[in-house]
N, C-alpha and C. Protein backbone atom coordinates (compact mmCIF):
# COMPACT_ATOMS: atom_id res chain seq x y z
N MET A 1 108.65 -1.55 10.75
CA MET A 1 108.13 -2.84 11.16
C MET A 1 107.85 -3.66 9.90
N SER A 2 108.33 -4.86 9.87
CA SER A 2 108.04 -5.74 8.73
C SER A 2 106.95 -6.72 9.12
N ALA A 3 106.38 -7.36 8.11
CA ALA A 3 105.34 -8.34 8.38
C ALA A 3 105.89 -9.48 9.23
N GLN A 4 107.18 -9.76 9.08
CA GLN A 4 107.78 -10.84 9.86
C GLN A 4 107.76 -10.51 11.35
N THR A 5 107.83 -9.23 11.70
CA THR A 5 107.82 -8.87 13.11
C THR A 5 106.41 -8.68 13.64
N ALA A 6 105.45 -8.61 12.73
CA ALA A 6 104.05 -8.46 13.16
C ALA A 6 103.48 -9.83 13.49
N VAL A 7 103.32 -10.09 14.76
CA VAL A 7 102.72 -11.35 15.18
C VAL A 7 101.24 -11.09 15.39
N ILE A 8 100.43 -11.76 14.59
CA ILE A 8 99.00 -11.55 14.64
C ILE A 8 98.36 -12.80 15.21
N ASP A 9 97.82 -12.65 16.41
CA ASP A 9 97.24 -13.77 17.13
C ASP A 9 96.11 -14.42 16.31
N GLY A 10 96.21 -15.71 16.06
CA GLY A 10 95.17 -16.46 15.37
C GLY A 10 95.08 -16.21 13.88
N TYR A 11 96.06 -15.54 13.31
CA TYR A 11 96.04 -15.17 11.89
C TYR A 11 95.78 -16.38 11.00
N VAL A 12 94.88 -16.18 10.02
CA VAL A 12 94.54 -17.24 9.06
C VAL A 12 94.67 -16.65 7.66
N ALA A 13 95.51 -17.27 6.84
CA ALA A 13 95.64 -16.87 5.44
C ALA A 13 94.52 -17.54 4.64
N GLY A 14 93.96 -16.81 3.68
CA GLY A 14 92.93 -17.39 2.84
C GLY A 14 92.06 -16.34 2.19
N LYS A 15 91.03 -16.79 1.51
CA LYS A 15 90.08 -15.89 0.85
C LYS A 15 88.82 -15.80 1.70
N TRP A 16 88.37 -14.59 1.95
CA TRP A 16 87.25 -14.30 2.83
C TRP A 16 86.16 -13.58 2.05
N THR A 17 84.93 -13.84 2.42
CA THR A 17 83.78 -13.15 1.85
C THR A 17 83.19 -12.25 2.92
N ILE A 18 82.94 -11.00 2.57
CA ILE A 18 82.36 -10.08 3.54
C ILE A 18 80.94 -10.53 3.89
N ASP A 19 80.68 -10.65 5.18
CA ASP A 19 79.36 -11.02 5.70
C ASP A 19 78.57 -9.72 5.85
N THR A 20 77.71 -9.45 4.88
CA THR A 20 77.00 -8.16 4.87
C THR A 20 75.99 -8.03 6.01
N VAL A 21 75.56 -9.13 6.58
CA VAL A 21 74.61 -9.08 7.70
C VAL A 21 75.30 -8.55 8.95
N HIS A 22 76.59 -8.83 9.10
CA HIS A 22 77.33 -8.43 10.28
C HIS A 22 78.38 -7.37 9.98
N SER A 23 78.18 -6.61 8.92
CA SER A 23 79.11 -5.55 8.53
C SER A 23 78.35 -4.26 8.30
N ASP A 24 79.09 -3.16 8.28
CA ASP A 24 78.47 -1.85 8.14
C ASP A 24 79.38 -0.93 7.32
N VAL A 25 78.80 -0.23 6.36
CA VAL A 25 79.51 0.77 5.56
C VAL A 25 78.81 2.10 5.82
N SER A 26 79.45 2.96 6.60
CA SER A 26 78.83 4.21 7.05
C SER A 26 79.67 5.42 6.66
N PHE A 27 79.05 6.58 6.77
CA PHE A 27 79.75 7.83 6.49
C PHE A 27 79.09 8.93 7.30
N TYR A 28 79.81 10.05 7.42
CA TYR A 28 79.16 11.26 7.91
C TYR A 28 79.79 12.46 7.23
N VAL A 29 78.97 13.50 7.14
CA VAL A 29 79.35 14.74 6.51
C VAL A 29 78.79 15.88 7.36
N ARG A 30 79.51 16.97 7.41
CA ARG A 30 79.03 18.15 8.16
C ARG A 30 77.95 18.86 7.36
N HIS A 31 76.92 19.31 8.06
CA HIS A 31 75.84 20.06 7.45
C HIS A 31 75.83 21.45 8.05
N LEU A 32 75.89 22.45 7.20
CA LEU A 32 75.91 23.87 7.61
C LEU A 32 77.06 24.18 8.57
N GLY A 33 78.05 23.31 8.60
CA GLY A 33 79.22 23.53 9.45
C GLY A 33 78.98 23.33 10.93
N VAL A 34 77.78 22.90 11.33
CA VAL A 34 77.48 22.81 12.75
C VAL A 34 77.03 21.43 13.22
N SER A 35 76.62 20.58 12.30
CA SER A 35 76.16 19.25 12.73
C SER A 35 76.71 18.19 11.78
N LYS A 36 76.58 16.95 12.19
CA LYS A 36 77.01 15.83 11.37
C LYS A 36 75.77 15.06 10.93
N VAL A 37 75.68 14.81 9.63
CA VAL A 37 74.62 13.96 9.10
C VAL A 37 75.27 12.62 8.79
N ARG A 38 74.69 11.57 9.34
CA ARG A 38 75.23 10.23 9.16
C ARG A 38 74.39 9.44 8.18
N GLY A 39 75.04 8.50 7.55
CA GLY A 39 74.34 7.62 6.63
C GLY A 39 75.08 6.32 6.48
N GLN A 40 74.47 5.43 5.74
CA GLN A 40 75.12 4.15 5.48
C GLN A 40 74.63 3.62 4.14
N PHE A 41 75.34 2.63 3.65
CA PHE A 41 74.95 1.93 2.44
C PHE A 41 74.53 0.53 2.84
N ALA A 42 73.32 0.12 2.44
CA ALA A 42 72.78 -1.18 2.84
C ALA A 42 73.22 -2.32 1.93
N ALA A 43 73.56 -2.01 0.69
CA ALA A 43 73.90 -3.07 -0.27
C ALA A 43 75.36 -2.94 -0.69
N PHE A 44 76.13 -3.95 -0.34
CA PHE A 44 77.55 -3.98 -0.68
C PHE A 44 78.02 -5.42 -0.65
N GLU A 45 79.16 -5.67 -1.26
CA GLU A 45 79.76 -7.01 -1.25
C GLU A 45 81.26 -6.84 -1.43
N GLY A 46 81.97 -7.87 -1.08
CA GLY A 46 83.41 -7.78 -1.27
C GLY A 46 84.12 -9.03 -0.81
N SER A 47 85.41 -9.06 -1.13
CA SER A 47 86.23 -10.18 -0.70
C SER A 47 87.58 -9.65 -0.21
N ILE A 48 88.15 -10.42 0.68
CA ILE A 48 89.44 -10.10 1.28
C ILE A 48 90.31 -11.32 1.11
N VAL A 49 91.55 -11.11 0.72
CA VAL A 49 92.52 -12.20 0.66
C VAL A 49 93.60 -11.87 1.68
N THR A 50 93.73 -12.70 2.69
CA THR A 50 94.81 -12.54 3.66
C THR A 50 95.95 -13.44 3.19
N GLY A 51 97.08 -12.82 2.87
CA GLY A 51 98.22 -13.56 2.36
C GLY A 51 99.00 -14.25 3.46
N GLU A 52 99.83 -15.19 3.06
CA GLU A 52 100.72 -15.85 4.04
C GLU A 52 101.54 -14.78 4.77
N ASP A 53 102.00 -13.80 4.02
CA ASP A 53 102.59 -12.59 4.58
C ASP A 53 101.46 -11.57 4.61
N PRO A 54 101.08 -11.07 5.79
CA PRO A 54 99.96 -10.13 5.86
C PRO A 54 100.07 -8.93 4.92
N LEU A 55 101.30 -8.55 4.55
CA LEU A 55 101.47 -7.41 3.67
C LEU A 55 101.14 -7.76 2.21
N ASP A 56 100.91 -9.04 1.93
CA ASP A 56 100.49 -9.48 0.60
C ASP A 56 98.97 -9.61 0.52
N SER A 57 98.27 -9.09 1.49
CA SER A 57 96.81 -9.19 1.53
C SER A 57 96.18 -8.17 0.59
N SER A 58 94.89 -8.40 0.26
CA SER A 58 94.19 -7.49 -0.65
C SER A 58 92.69 -7.50 -0.34
N VAL A 59 92.01 -6.48 -0.86
CA VAL A 59 90.56 -6.38 -0.68
C VAL A 59 89.95 -5.75 -1.92
N THR A 60 88.77 -6.22 -2.26
CA THR A 60 87.95 -5.59 -3.29
C THR A 60 86.54 -5.46 -2.74
N ALA A 61 85.87 -4.37 -3.07
CA ALA A 61 84.51 -4.15 -2.58
C ALA A 61 83.70 -3.37 -3.60
N VAL A 62 82.40 -3.65 -3.63
CA VAL A 62 81.46 -2.96 -4.49
C VAL A 62 80.30 -2.49 -3.61
N ILE A 63 79.95 -1.21 -3.70
CA ILE A 63 78.86 -0.63 -2.93
C ILE A 63 77.81 -0.13 -3.91
N LYS A 64 76.56 -0.51 -3.70
CA LYS A 64 75.46 -0.04 -4.53
C LYS A 64 75.04 1.34 -4.03
N THR A 65 75.25 2.37 -4.85
CA THR A 65 75.01 3.74 -4.42
C THR A 65 73.54 4.03 -4.12
N ALA A 66 72.62 3.34 -4.80
CA ALA A 66 71.19 3.59 -4.56
C ALA A 66 70.76 3.10 -3.19
N SER A 67 71.61 2.33 -2.51
CA SER A 67 71.24 1.81 -1.19
C SER A 67 71.56 2.77 -0.05
N VAL A 68 71.92 4.03 -0.38
CA VAL A 68 72.23 5.02 0.64
C VAL A 68 71.00 5.26 1.53
N ASN A 69 71.26 5.39 2.82
CA ASN A 69 70.19 5.62 3.79
C ASN A 69 70.71 6.57 4.86
N THR A 70 70.09 7.77 4.93
CA THR A 70 70.45 8.75 5.96
C THR A 70 69.33 8.93 6.98
N SER A 71 68.36 8.01 6.97
CA SER A 71 67.20 8.04 7.87
C SER A 71 66.24 9.19 7.55
N ASN A 72 66.31 9.72 6.34
CA ASN A 72 65.38 10.74 5.91
C ASN A 72 65.15 10.54 4.41
N GLU A 73 63.98 10.05 4.05
CA GLU A 73 63.71 9.68 2.66
C GLU A 73 63.85 10.87 1.70
N THR A 74 63.40 12.05 2.10
CA THR A 74 63.53 13.22 1.24
C THR A 74 65.00 13.51 0.95
N ARG A 75 65.82 13.48 1.98
CA ARG A 75 67.27 13.70 1.81
C ARG A 75 67.88 12.59 0.97
N ASP A 76 67.46 11.34 1.22
CA ASP A 76 68.02 10.21 0.47
C ASP A 76 67.74 10.34 -1.03
N VAL A 77 66.53 10.77 -1.38
CA VAL A 77 66.20 10.98 -2.79
C VAL A 77 67.14 12.03 -3.39
N HIS A 78 67.41 13.09 -2.64
CA HIS A 78 68.32 14.12 -3.13
C HIS A 78 69.74 13.60 -3.26
N VAL A 79 70.21 12.83 -2.27
CA VAL A 79 71.57 12.28 -2.33
C VAL A 79 71.72 11.31 -3.51
N ARG A 80 70.65 10.60 -3.86
CA ARG A 80 70.69 9.68 -5.00
C ARG A 80 70.64 10.42 -6.35
N SER A 81 70.21 11.67 -6.35
CA SER A 81 70.01 12.44 -7.58
C SER A 81 71.34 12.83 -8.24
N ALA A 82 71.22 13.44 -9.41
CA ALA A 82 72.40 13.90 -10.15
C ALA A 82 73.18 14.96 -9.38
N ASP A 83 72.56 15.64 -8.39
CA ASP A 83 73.29 16.61 -7.57
C ASP A 83 74.42 15.96 -6.79
N PHE A 84 74.22 14.73 -6.36
CA PHE A 84 75.22 14.07 -5.53
C PHE A 84 75.70 12.76 -6.17
N LEU A 85 75.13 11.62 -5.79
CA LEU A 85 75.65 10.33 -6.25
C LEU A 85 75.28 9.98 -7.69
N ASP A 86 74.20 10.54 -8.21
CA ASP A 86 73.76 10.26 -9.58
C ASP A 86 73.71 8.74 -9.82
N VAL A 87 72.89 8.07 -9.02
CA VAL A 87 72.87 6.60 -9.01
C VAL A 87 72.42 6.00 -10.34
N GLU A 88 71.67 6.74 -11.14
CA GLU A 88 71.25 6.20 -12.43
C GLU A 88 72.45 6.02 -13.36
N ASN A 89 73.37 6.97 -13.33
CA ASN A 89 74.56 6.88 -14.17
C ASN A 89 75.73 6.18 -13.50
N PHE A 90 75.75 6.20 -12.17
CA PHE A 90 76.86 5.60 -11.42
C PHE A 90 76.29 4.71 -10.31
N PRO A 91 75.78 3.52 -10.66
CA PRO A 91 75.10 2.67 -9.69
C PRO A 91 76.01 2.00 -8.66
N GLU A 92 77.33 2.06 -8.89
CA GLU A 92 78.25 1.41 -7.96
C GLU A 92 79.44 2.32 -7.67
N MET A 93 79.97 2.16 -6.47
CA MET A 93 81.31 2.67 -6.18
C MET A 93 82.14 1.44 -5.83
N THR A 94 83.41 1.48 -6.18
CA THR A 94 84.26 0.31 -5.96
C THR A 94 85.55 0.71 -5.26
N PHE A 95 86.11 -0.24 -4.55
CA PHE A 95 87.43 -0.07 -3.94
C PHE A 95 88.24 -1.31 -4.25
N THR A 96 89.46 -1.09 -4.74
CA THR A 96 90.41 -2.18 -4.99
C THR A 96 91.73 -1.79 -4.36
N SER A 97 92.21 -2.63 -3.45
CA SER A 97 93.46 -2.30 -2.77
C SER A 97 94.65 -2.45 -3.72
N THR A 98 95.69 -1.67 -3.41
CA THR A 98 96.93 -1.73 -4.18
C THR A 98 98.13 -2.06 -3.31
N GLY A 99 97.95 -2.04 -1.99
CA GLY A 99 99.07 -2.35 -1.10
C GLY A 99 98.67 -2.24 0.36
N VAL A 100 99.45 -2.89 1.21
CA VAL A 100 99.22 -2.88 2.65
C VAL A 100 100.53 -2.52 3.34
N ARG A 101 100.45 -1.59 4.30
CA ARG A 101 101.62 -1.17 5.06
C ARG A 101 101.33 -1.32 6.55
N PRO A 102 102.26 -1.89 7.32
CA PRO A 102 102.02 -2.06 8.76
C PRO A 102 102.28 -0.77 9.52
N GLN A 103 101.51 -0.57 10.57
CA GLN A 103 101.75 0.50 11.53
C GLN A 103 102.15 -0.10 12.88
N THR A 104 101.36 -1.08 13.32
CA THR A 104 101.65 -1.88 14.51
C THR A 104 101.19 -3.30 14.20
N ALA A 105 101.17 -4.17 15.20
CA ALA A 105 100.73 -5.55 14.97
C ALA A 105 99.26 -5.64 14.57
N GLU A 106 98.44 -4.66 14.99
CA GLU A 106 97.01 -4.71 14.66
C GLU A 106 96.56 -3.56 13.76
N LEU A 107 97.43 -2.60 13.51
CA LEU A 107 97.05 -1.43 12.71
C LEU A 107 97.84 -1.41 11.40
N PHE A 108 97.10 -1.20 10.32
CA PHE A 108 97.70 -1.19 8.99
C PHE A 108 97.14 -0.03 8.19
N GLU A 109 97.83 0.34 7.14
CA GLU A 109 97.30 1.25 6.14
C GLU A 109 97.10 0.45 4.88
N VAL A 110 95.90 0.54 4.32
CA VAL A 110 95.57 -0.16 3.09
C VAL A 110 95.38 0.89 2.01
N ASP A 111 96.30 0.90 1.06
CA ASP A 111 96.21 1.81 -0.07
C ASP A 111 95.34 1.18 -1.14
N GLY A 112 94.60 2.01 -1.86
CA GLY A 112 93.77 1.47 -2.92
C GLY A 112 93.23 2.54 -3.83
N GLU A 113 92.41 2.10 -4.76
CA GLU A 113 91.77 2.97 -5.73
C GLU A 113 90.27 2.94 -5.47
N LEU A 114 89.70 4.11 -5.20
CA LEU A 114 88.26 4.26 -5.01
C LEU A 114 87.69 4.88 -6.27
N THR A 115 86.67 4.23 -6.82
CA THR A 115 85.96 4.78 -7.97
C THR A 115 84.57 5.18 -7.51
N LEU A 116 84.27 6.47 -7.65
CA LEU A 116 83.00 7.04 -7.23
C LEU A 116 82.61 8.09 -8.26
N HIS A 117 81.38 8.02 -8.71
CA HIS A 117 80.87 9.04 -9.64
C HIS A 117 81.68 9.06 -10.93
N GLY A 118 82.22 7.89 -11.30
CA GLY A 118 82.99 7.77 -12.53
C GLY A 118 84.42 8.25 -12.45
N VAL A 119 84.88 8.61 -11.26
CA VAL A 119 86.24 9.11 -11.06
C VAL A 119 86.98 8.15 -10.13
N THR A 120 88.22 7.81 -10.49
CA THR A 120 89.05 6.93 -9.67
C THR A 120 90.19 7.73 -9.07
N LYS A 121 90.32 7.61 -7.75
CA LYS A 121 91.37 8.34 -7.02
C LYS A 121 92.00 7.40 -5.99
N PRO A 122 93.27 7.65 -5.64
CA PRO A 122 93.89 6.86 -4.57
C PRO A 122 93.31 7.25 -3.21
N VAL A 123 93.13 6.24 -2.37
CA VAL A 123 92.59 6.42 -1.03
C VAL A 123 93.38 5.49 -0.10
N THR A 124 93.64 5.95 1.12
CA THR A 124 94.28 5.10 2.12
C THR A 124 93.32 4.87 3.27
N LEU A 125 93.07 3.60 3.57
CA LEU A 125 92.24 3.21 4.71
C LEU A 125 93.14 2.98 5.92
N GLN A 126 92.74 3.51 7.06
CA GLN A 126 93.39 3.19 8.33
C GLN A 126 92.67 1.95 8.84
N LEU A 127 93.36 0.82 8.86
CA LEU A 127 92.73 -0.46 9.16
C LEU A 127 93.17 -1.00 10.51
N GLU A 128 92.19 -1.40 11.28
CA GLU A 128 92.45 -2.10 12.55
C GLU A 128 92.01 -3.55 12.37
N LEU A 129 92.93 -4.45 12.62
CA LEU A 129 92.62 -5.88 12.58
C LEU A 129 92.02 -6.25 13.92
N ASN A 130 90.72 -6.56 13.92
CA ASN A 130 90.02 -6.86 15.18
C ASN A 130 90.24 -8.28 15.65
N GLY A 131 90.59 -9.18 14.75
CA GLY A 131 90.92 -10.53 15.16
C GLY A 131 90.33 -11.61 14.27
N PHE A 132 90.72 -12.82 14.60
CA PHE A 132 90.26 -14.03 13.91
C PHE A 132 89.63 -14.94 14.95
N GLY A 133 88.61 -15.67 14.54
CA GLY A 133 87.95 -16.57 15.48
C GLY A 133 87.13 -17.61 14.74
N LYS A 134 86.21 -18.20 15.45
CA LYS A 134 85.31 -19.22 14.90
C LYS A 134 83.88 -18.72 15.00
N GLY A 135 83.13 -18.91 13.92
CA GLY A 135 81.72 -18.57 13.91
C GLY A 135 80.91 -19.65 14.60
N PHE A 136 79.58 -19.44 14.69
CA PHE A 136 78.71 -20.41 15.33
C PHE A 136 78.75 -21.77 14.63
N ASP A 137 79.06 -21.75 13.34
CA ASP A 137 79.13 -23.00 12.58
C ASP A 137 80.50 -23.65 12.65
N GLY A 138 81.42 -23.04 13.39
CA GLY A 138 82.76 -23.60 13.54
C GLY A 138 83.74 -23.14 12.48
N ASN A 139 83.26 -22.42 11.48
CA ASN A 139 84.14 -21.93 10.43
C ASN A 139 84.83 -20.63 10.84
N ALA A 140 85.97 -20.37 10.23
CA ALA A 140 86.78 -19.21 10.57
C ALA A 140 86.08 -17.90 10.17
N VAL A 141 86.18 -16.91 11.05
CA VAL A 141 85.70 -15.56 10.79
C VAL A 141 86.81 -14.57 11.14
N ALA A 142 86.72 -13.38 10.56
CA ALA A 142 87.69 -12.33 10.84
C ALA A 142 86.96 -11.00 10.92
N GLY A 143 87.52 -10.08 11.70
CA GLY A 143 86.91 -8.77 11.84
C GLY A 143 87.90 -7.65 11.58
N PHE A 144 87.42 -6.60 10.92
CA PHE A 144 88.26 -5.47 10.56
C PHE A 144 87.46 -4.18 10.75
N SER A 145 88.13 -3.13 11.20
CA SER A 145 87.56 -1.79 11.23
C SER A 145 88.46 -0.92 10.36
N ALA A 146 87.85 -0.04 9.57
CA ALA A 146 88.65 0.82 8.71
C ALA A 146 87.99 2.18 8.61
N ALA A 147 88.81 3.19 8.35
CA ALA A 147 88.29 4.55 8.21
C ALA A 147 89.15 5.33 7.23
N THR A 148 88.53 6.29 6.59
CA THR A 148 89.24 7.21 5.72
C THR A 148 88.42 8.48 5.58
N GLU A 149 89.00 9.47 4.95
CA GLU A 149 88.29 10.71 4.65
C GLU A 149 88.55 11.03 3.19
N ILE A 150 87.49 11.39 2.47
CA ILE A 150 87.63 11.77 1.07
C ILE A 150 87.05 13.16 0.86
N SER A 151 87.44 13.76 -0.25
CA SER A 151 86.88 15.03 -0.69
C SER A 151 85.88 14.71 -1.79
N ARG A 152 84.61 15.05 -1.58
CA ARG A 152 83.60 14.74 -2.59
C ARG A 152 83.90 15.50 -3.88
N GLY A 153 84.49 16.69 -3.76
CA GLY A 153 84.85 17.47 -4.94
C GLY A 153 85.87 16.76 -5.82
N ASP A 154 86.78 16.01 -5.20
CA ASP A 154 87.78 15.25 -5.97
C ASP A 154 87.11 14.23 -6.89
N PHE A 155 85.91 13.80 -6.52
CA PHE A 155 85.18 12.79 -7.30
C PHE A 155 84.07 13.42 -8.15
N GLY A 156 84.03 14.74 -8.22
CA GLY A 156 83.03 15.41 -9.04
C GLY A 156 81.63 15.40 -8.45
N VAL A 157 81.53 15.17 -7.14
CA VAL A 157 80.23 15.18 -6.46
C VAL A 157 80.06 16.58 -5.89
N THR A 158 79.40 17.45 -6.65
CA THR A 158 79.34 18.87 -6.28
C THR A 158 78.18 19.20 -5.35
N GLY A 159 77.08 18.49 -5.49
CA GLY A 159 75.91 18.77 -4.66
C GLY A 159 74.98 19.81 -5.24
N GLY A 160 75.28 20.31 -6.43
CA GLY A 160 74.41 21.32 -7.01
C GLY A 160 74.31 22.53 -6.10
N ALA A 161 73.16 23.19 -6.11
CA ALA A 161 72.94 24.38 -5.29
C ALA A 161 73.02 24.06 -3.81
N ALA A 162 72.64 22.86 -3.42
CA ALA A 162 72.67 22.46 -2.00
C ALA A 162 74.08 22.11 -1.53
N GLY A 163 75.02 21.99 -2.46
CA GLY A 163 76.37 21.59 -2.12
C GLY A 163 77.06 22.48 -1.11
N ALA A 164 76.73 23.76 -1.10
CA ALA A 164 77.36 24.69 -0.16
C ALA A 164 76.97 24.39 1.28
N ALA A 165 75.87 23.72 1.50
CA ALA A 165 75.41 23.41 2.86
C ALA A 165 76.10 22.19 3.44
N VAL A 166 76.79 21.44 2.59
CA VAL A 166 77.40 20.17 2.99
C VAL A 166 78.92 20.27 2.83
N SER A 167 79.65 19.82 3.84
CA SER A 167 81.10 19.90 3.76
C SER A 167 81.64 19.08 2.59
N ASP A 168 82.78 19.50 2.10
CA ASP A 168 83.46 18.76 1.03
C ASP A 168 84.02 17.45 1.57
N LYS A 169 84.43 17.44 2.81
CA LYS A 169 85.05 16.25 3.41
C LYS A 169 83.98 15.27 3.88
N ILE A 170 84.17 14.02 3.53
CA ILE A 170 83.28 12.94 3.96
C ILE A 170 84.11 11.92 4.70
N LYS A 171 83.71 11.62 5.91
CA LYS A 171 84.40 10.59 6.71
C LYS A 171 83.67 9.27 6.47
N ILE A 172 84.44 8.24 6.20
CA ILE A 172 83.90 6.91 5.91
C ILE A 172 84.40 5.95 6.99
N ALA A 173 83.49 5.12 7.50
CA ALA A 173 83.83 4.13 8.52
C ALA A 173 83.28 2.77 8.10
N LEU A 174 84.11 1.76 8.21
CA LEU A 174 83.74 0.40 7.84
C LEU A 174 83.92 -0.53 9.04
N GLU A 175 82.92 -1.32 9.29
CA GLU A 175 83.02 -2.40 10.28
C GLU A 175 82.72 -3.68 9.51
N ILE A 176 83.73 -4.51 9.36
CA ILE A 176 83.62 -5.66 8.47
C ILE A 176 83.85 -6.96 9.23
N GLU A 177 82.90 -7.89 9.04
CA GLU A 177 83.10 -9.27 9.47
C GLU A 177 83.12 -10.11 8.19
N ALA A 178 84.06 -11.01 8.12
CA ALA A 178 84.21 -11.83 6.92
C ALA A 178 84.31 -13.30 7.31
N ALA A 179 83.83 -14.14 6.43
CA ALA A 179 83.89 -15.60 6.64
C ALA A 179 84.87 -16.21 5.65
N LEU A 180 85.67 -17.14 6.15
CA LEU A 180 86.63 -17.84 5.29
C LEU A 180 85.87 -18.64 4.25
N ALA A 181 86.22 -18.47 2.99
CA ALA A 181 85.54 -19.20 1.90
C ALA A 181 85.82 -20.70 2.06
N GLN A 182 84.76 -21.46 1.90
CA GLN A 182 84.88 -22.91 2.01
C GLN A 182 85.13 -23.49 0.63
N ASP A 183 86.23 -24.20 0.47
CA ASP A 183 86.56 -24.81 -0.83
C ASP A 183 85.80 -26.08 -1.07
């Protein structure tokens, strides 16, 4: 499928700013192999460029690692420590896209580079284009859902002694609303 055959209802080319109030950056990891511990990052920012050809689109994002929240302050302190995210030495994780591939008219794969814990690795996001519309102020908005899975070990996030209790695989889910930048 080429971008020319992908008809995207209401598609708007332009530069978009992620609306952090209406977006969510979440993850979950297995604990002791029997349950899922969920968390999210409260502080993040980013921009999306939708190209005239959707396959020429790109995204960049920055997540503040100290903003992790798993709904348990004791656990959050540990996740922020050198055992896991080491937020003092690595205060941000970043994602920069390197390419977009179509799957269907609304589903895409977004390849990119994720930098976490000082290590950069290729990551592919499974992206669902939720649509384009108008916000309450009449300006254009767009919505995207994306997911991927990473290996924390690939990024040098070992977890120290507690690492054995937490799965190596981390599932990441993004719900993004973005506003068209006003020139």
